[in-house]
Amino acid sequence: MKNEPNLPNVACPDSSGESQRREKASVASLGNRHRRLYECLWTWNRSELQISLELETRTFWFYSGCANFFDPNCQNNKLF
């Protein structure tokens, strides 16, 4: 025989409807937590992408500047 978890019987609520109210409140609370978590992760991911893009752009310009500086065919490779 399987050990089944002791879960409340939602299909047969008590006469006061308290179990349904608790269930609805629990689902609403869980929904709010998921929404806040999603917003937090979305904001964090957006800021991470923006930082990553800025760093990649800076790195690109730095290396392209170095490549131009050391390129013997480039006319703009003056130090001063």
Protein backbone atom coordinates (compact mmCIF):
# COMPACT_ATOMS: atom_id res chain seq x y z
CA MET A 1 0.00 0.00 0.00
CA LYS A 2 1.35 3.44 -0.94
CA ASN A 3 1.84 6.16 1.60
CA GLU A 4 -0.27 9.02 0.33
CA PRO A 5 0.30 12.56 1.58
CA ASN A 6 -2.21 13.93 4.02
CA LEU A 7 -3.82 16.62 1.87
CA PRO A 8 -7.06 18.45 2.56
CA ASN A 9 -10.01 17.31 0.51
CA VAL A 10 -10.71 20.34 -1.66
CA ALA A 11 -13.52 18.64 -3.56
CA CYS A 12 -15.57 18.40 -0.38
CA PRO A 13 -15.20 21.70 1.51
CA ASP A 14 -16.41 22.18 5.03
CA SER A 15 -19.76 23.85 5.58
CA SER A 16 -18.28 27.24 6.44
CA GLY A 17 -16.25 27.41 3.22
CA GLU A 18 -13.14 28.19 5.26
CA SER A 19 -11.00 25.68 3.35
CA GLN A 20 -11.92 27.30 0.03
CA ARG A 21 -11.11 30.76 1.38
CA ARG A 22 -7.75 29.53 2.67
CA GLU A 23 -7.01 27.85 -0.65
CA LYS A 24 -7.88 30.99 -2.64
CA ALA A 25 -5.74 33.13 -0.32
CA SER A 26 -2.87 30.67 -0.65
CA VAL A 27 -3.11 30.64 -4.46
CA ALA A 28 -3.29 34.45 -4.55
CA SER A 29 -0.26 34.71 -2.28
CA LEU A 30 1.66 32.25 -4.43
CA GLY A 31 0.69 34.22 -7.54
CA ASN A 32 1.94 37.47 -5.98
CA ARG A 33 5.21 35.81 -4.98
CA HIS A 34 5.71 34.46 -8.50
CA ARG A 35 4.91 37.87 -9.99
CA ARG A 36 7.41 39.62 -7.70
CA LEU A 37 10.05 36.98 -8.43
CA TYR A 38 9.46 37.33 -12.18
CA GLU A 39 9.71 41.13 -11.98
CA CYS A 40 12.89 40.88 -9.94
CA LEU A 41 14.51 38.40 -12.33
CA TRP A 42 13.38 40.39 -15.37
CA THR A 43 14.85 43.61 -13.95
CA TRP A 44 18.08 41.86 -12.96
CA ASN A 45 18.41 40.17 -16.35
CA ARG A 46 17.75 43.45 -18.13
CA SER A 47 20.43 45.25 -16.11
CA GLU A 48 22.86 42.35 -16.64
CA LEU A 49 22.28 42.49 -20.40
CA GLN A 50 22.79 46.25 -20.43
CA ILE A 51 26.06 45.96 -18.44
CA SER A 52 27.24 43.12 -20.67
CA LEU A 53 26.48 45.12 -23.82
CA GLU A 54 28.32 48.16 -22.45
CA LEU A 55 31.36 46.07 -21.54
CA GLU A 56 31.41 44.36 -24.93
CA THR A 57 31.17 47.73 -26.68
CA ARG A 58 34.02 49.17 -24.60
CA THR A 59 36.13 46.06 -25.19
CA PHE A 60 35.47 46.24 -28.93
CA TRP A 61 36.50 49.90 -29.13
CA PHE A 62 39.56 49.31 -26.96
CA TYR A 63 40.82 46.42 -29.09
CA SER A 64 39.96 48.12 -32.38
CA GLY A 65 41.88 51.19 -31.17
CA CYS A 66 44.87 49.03 -30.26
CA ALA A 67 44.68 47.27 -33.62
CA ASN A 68 44.69 50.63 -35.41
CA PHE A 69 47.57 51.88 -33.28
CA PHE A 70 49.79 48.89 -34.06
CA ASP A 71 48.77 48.57 -37.70
CA PRO A 72 51.71 49.76 -39.83
CA ASN A 73 49.35 50.59 -42.71
CA CYS A 74 47.14 52.84 -40.58
CA GLN A 75 47.73 56.59 -40.86
CA ASN A 76 46.17 57.33 -37.44
CA ASN A 77 48.71 55.43 -35.36
CA LYS A 78 50.48 58.48 -33.95
CA LEU A 79 51.25 58.38 -30.25
CA PHE A 80 51.06 62.16 -29.77
